[in-house]
Amino acid sequence: MSDLIRVHDICEYSRANGPGVRAVVWTQGCSIGCPGCFNQSTHSDGTGKLYDPVSLGEELGKLNVDGLTVSGGEPLEQPKQVLELVNSYRRFSQGTTLLFTGFTIAAILKNDLKRQALMQFDAAITGPYIKGSNEIWKGKKLALISNRNQKSSIH
């Protein structure tokens, strides 16, 4: 059994967290603490429910959805578990994967596990949230509302 992932909430069918209908996992725990964060209930790392990330990925991968979004909290504070979650999801689904993280690309690249986890996603919105600076970002595959200072990448 792998290390457990601490989860704030799971939504099996969402239209508000990426393109199409998506399964969403909000991880529990965030040390970044962006001012104006609208999801402060996800910050404490001492709460939330524990899941086996491999089993959770399998369960979500069997849903009839367009993809999986992982948000938080801060998902990359649990990089090994997020990596296992996404890898497991991909064994059961061809859907796209999307990551929301408050870490910058530079910070992610300094940590091998965070980098490995990031590379499993089809797209990522990176960088800290700054309240009141929303804009629409349009890529070849996605149209997302993101924070002006956040960077969007598709690979």
Protein backbone atom coordinates (compact mmCIF):
# COMPACT_ATOMS: atom_id res chain seq x y z
CA MET A 1 0.00 0.00 0.00
CA SER A 2 1.28 3.43 -0.90
CA ASP A 3 1.47 6.49 1.34
CA LEU A 4 -1.97 7.93 1.91
CA ILE A 5 -3.05 11.21 0.33
CA ARG A 6 -4.77 13.77 2.54
CA VAL A 7 -7.89 15.05 0.76
CA HIS A 8 -10.15 17.98 1.59
CA ASP A 9 -12.92 17.01 -0.83
CA ILE A 10 -13.74 15.07 -3.99
CA CYS A 11 -16.29 15.96 -6.65
CA GLU A 12 -16.99 13.22 -9.15
CA TYR A 13 -18.68 15.49 -11.71
CA SER A 14 -17.78 19.16 -12.08
CA ARG A 15 -18.06 21.63 -14.94
CA ALA A 16 -16.32 24.46 -13.04
CA ASN A 17 -12.79 23.08 -12.64
CA GLY A 18 -11.46 22.74 -16.16
CA PRO A 19 -12.78 21.84 -19.59
CA GLY A 20 -15.75 19.50 -19.87
CA VAL A 21 -17.04 17.34 -17.07
CA ARG A 22 -14.24 16.52 -14.64
CA ALA A 23 -13.54 14.62 -11.48
CA VAL A 24 -11.87 16.95 -8.97
CA VAL A 25 -9.67 16.20 -5.98
CA TRP A 26 -8.90 19.04 -3.56
CA THR A 27 -5.91 18.07 -1.46
CA GLN A 28 -5.69 19.10 2.19
CA GLY A 29 -2.74 21.15 3.39
CA CYS A 30 -1.09 24.30 2.10
CA SER A 31 1.84 26.17 3.58
CA ILE A 32 1.91 28.86 0.88
CA GLY A 33 -0.98 30.87 2.35
CA CYS A 34 -1.67 33.24 -0.55
CA PRO A 35 -3.36 36.43 0.71
CA GLY A 36 -7.01 36.42 -0.34
CA CYS A 37 -7.13 32.67 -0.89
CA PHE A 38 -10.78 31.67 -1.28
CA ASN A 39 -10.17 28.10 -0.11
CA GLN A 40 -8.60 28.61 3.32
CA SER A 41 -10.36 25.57 4.76
CA THR A 42 -7.87 23.46 2.77
CA HIS A 43 -4.77 24.96 4.45
CA SER A 44 -4.50 22.91 7.65
CA ASP A 45 -2.57 19.70 7.05
CA GLY A 46 -4.03 18.11 10.17
CA THR A 47 -7.53 17.65 8.77
CA GLY A 48 -9.12 16.03 5.76
CA LYS A 49 -9.69 12.39 4.88
CA LEU A 50 -6.98 9.90 4.06
CA TYR A 51 -7.17 7.84 0.86
CA ASP A 52 -4.95 5.35 -0.88
CA PRO A 53 -3.98 7.37 -3.99
CA VAL A 54 -3.78 4.28 -6.22
CA SER A 55 -7.30 3.12 -5.27
CA LEU A 56 -8.66 6.67 -5.56
CA GLY A 57 -7.10 7.10 -9.01
CA GLU A 58 -8.64 3.82 -10.15
CA GLU A 59 -12.07 4.80 -8.82
CA LEU A 60 -11.97 8.21 -10.48
CA GLY A 61 -10.54 6.76 -13.69
CA LYS A 62 -13.61 4.56 -14.09
CA LEU A 63 -15.99 7.55 -14.05
CA ASN A 64 -17.54 8.78 -17.29
CA VAL A 65 -15.76 12.17 -17.27
CA ASP A 66 -13.52 14.17 -19.60
CA GLY A 67 -10.66 14.37 -17.14
CA LEU A 68 -9.25 14.84 -13.67
CA THR A 69 -8.39 18.12 -11.95
CA VAL A 70 -6.17 18.18 -8.87
CA SER A 71 -6.27 21.34 -6.79
CA GLY A 72 -6.00 22.25 -3.16
CA GLY A 73 -4.81 23.12 -0.67
CA GLU A 74 -1.49 22.58 -2.34
CA PRO A 75 -1.25 19.30 -4.24
CA LEU A 76 2.52 19.40 -4.63
CA GLU A 77 3.02 19.35 -0.88
CA GLN A 78 2.10 15.66 -1.34
CA PRO A 79 4.03 15.05 -4.58
CA LYS A 80 4.50 11.28 -4.23
CA GLN A 81 0.82 10.72 -3.53
CA VAL A 82 -0.28 13.05 -6.36
CA LEU A 83 2.06 11.22 -8.74
CA GLU A 84 0.52 7.89 -7.71
CA LEU A 85 -3.01 9.30 -8.02
CA VAL A 86 -2.49 10.56 -11.56
CA ASN A 87 -0.60 7.47 -12.71
CA SER A 88 -3.39 5.26 -11.39
CA TYR A 89 -6.06 7.47 -12.99
CA ARG A 90 -4.29 7.17 -16.35
CA ARG A 91 -4.41 3.36 -16.21
CA PHE A 92 -8.21 3.56 -16.35
CA SER A 93 -8.96 6.74 -18.30
CA GLN A 94 -7.86 8.56 -21.42
CA GLY A 95 -9.15 11.84 -19.95
CA THR A 96 -6.97 14.91 -19.59
CA THR A 97 -5.33 15.85 -16.31
CA LEU A 98 -5.07 19.38 -14.95
CA LEU A 99 -3.10 20.65 -11.94
CA PHE A 100 -3.59 23.87 -9.98
CA THR A 101 -0.54 24.67 -7.85
CA GLY A 102 0.67 27.76 -6.02
CA PHE A 103 4.31 26.80 -6.60
CA THR A 104 6.19 28.46 -9.43
CA ILE A 105 7.81 26.34 -12.13
CA ALA A 106 11.23 27.34 -10.76
CA ALA A 107 10.32 26.07 -7.29
CA ILE A 108 8.88 22.85 -8.68
CA LEU A 109 11.99 22.12 -10.72
CA LYS A 110 14.15 22.32 -7.59
CA ASN A 111 12.40 19.25 -6.15
CA ASP A 112 12.60 15.97 -8.06
CA LEU A 113 9.31 14.51 -6.74
CA LYS A 114 7.38 17.73 -7.45
CA ARG A 115 8.86 17.82 -10.95
CA GLN A 116 7.91 14.18 -11.56
CA ALA A 117 4.36 14.82 -10.38
CA LEU A 118 4.02 17.95 -12.54
CA MET A 119 5.19 16.08 -15.63
CA GLN A 120 2.30 13.60 -15.35
CA PHE A 121 -0.28 16.33 -15.99
CA ASP A 122 -1.45 17.44 -19.42
CA ALA A 123 -1.76 21.04 -18.24
CA ALA A 124 -0.90 23.04 -15.15
CA ILE A 125 -1.76 26.43 -13.72
CA THR A 126 1.24 27.42 -11.59
CA GLY A 127 2.14 30.26 -9.27
CA PRO A 128 0.61 31.90 -6.23
CA TYR A 129 -2.89 33.30 -6.28
CA ILE A 130 -3.24 37.09 -6.16
CA LYS A 131 -6.75 38.21 -5.32
CA GLY A 132 -8.46 40.38 -7.92
CA SER A 133 -6.20 39.64 -10.87
CA ASN A 134 -8.24 37.13 -12.87
CA GLU A 135 -7.98 36.90 -16.62
CA ILE A 136 -8.92 34.43 -19.32
CA TRP A 137 -6.10 32.30 -20.67
CA LYS A 138 -6.64 30.50 -23.96
CA GLY A 139 -4.47 27.62 -25.05
CA LYS A 140 -4.73 25.16 -27.89
CA LYS A 141 -6.62 22.63 -25.77
CA LEU A 142 -7.98 24.62 -22.84
CA ALA A 143 -9.71 27.88 -22.08
CA LEU A 144 -9.34 28.61 -18.39
CA ILE A 145 -9.81 31.50 -16.05
CA SER A 146 -6.60 31.96 -14.15
CA ASN A 147 -4.80 34.51 -12.09
CA ARG A 148 -2.83 37.08 -14.13
CA ASN A 149 0.41 36.23 -12.34
CA GLN A 150 -0.13 32.47 -12.68
CA LYS A 151 1.51 30.69 -15.60
CA SER A 152 -0.37 28.19 -17.74
CA SER A 153 1.40 25.43 -19.55
CA ILE A 154 0.39 22.55 -21.76
CA HIS A 155 2.72 19.80 -22.85
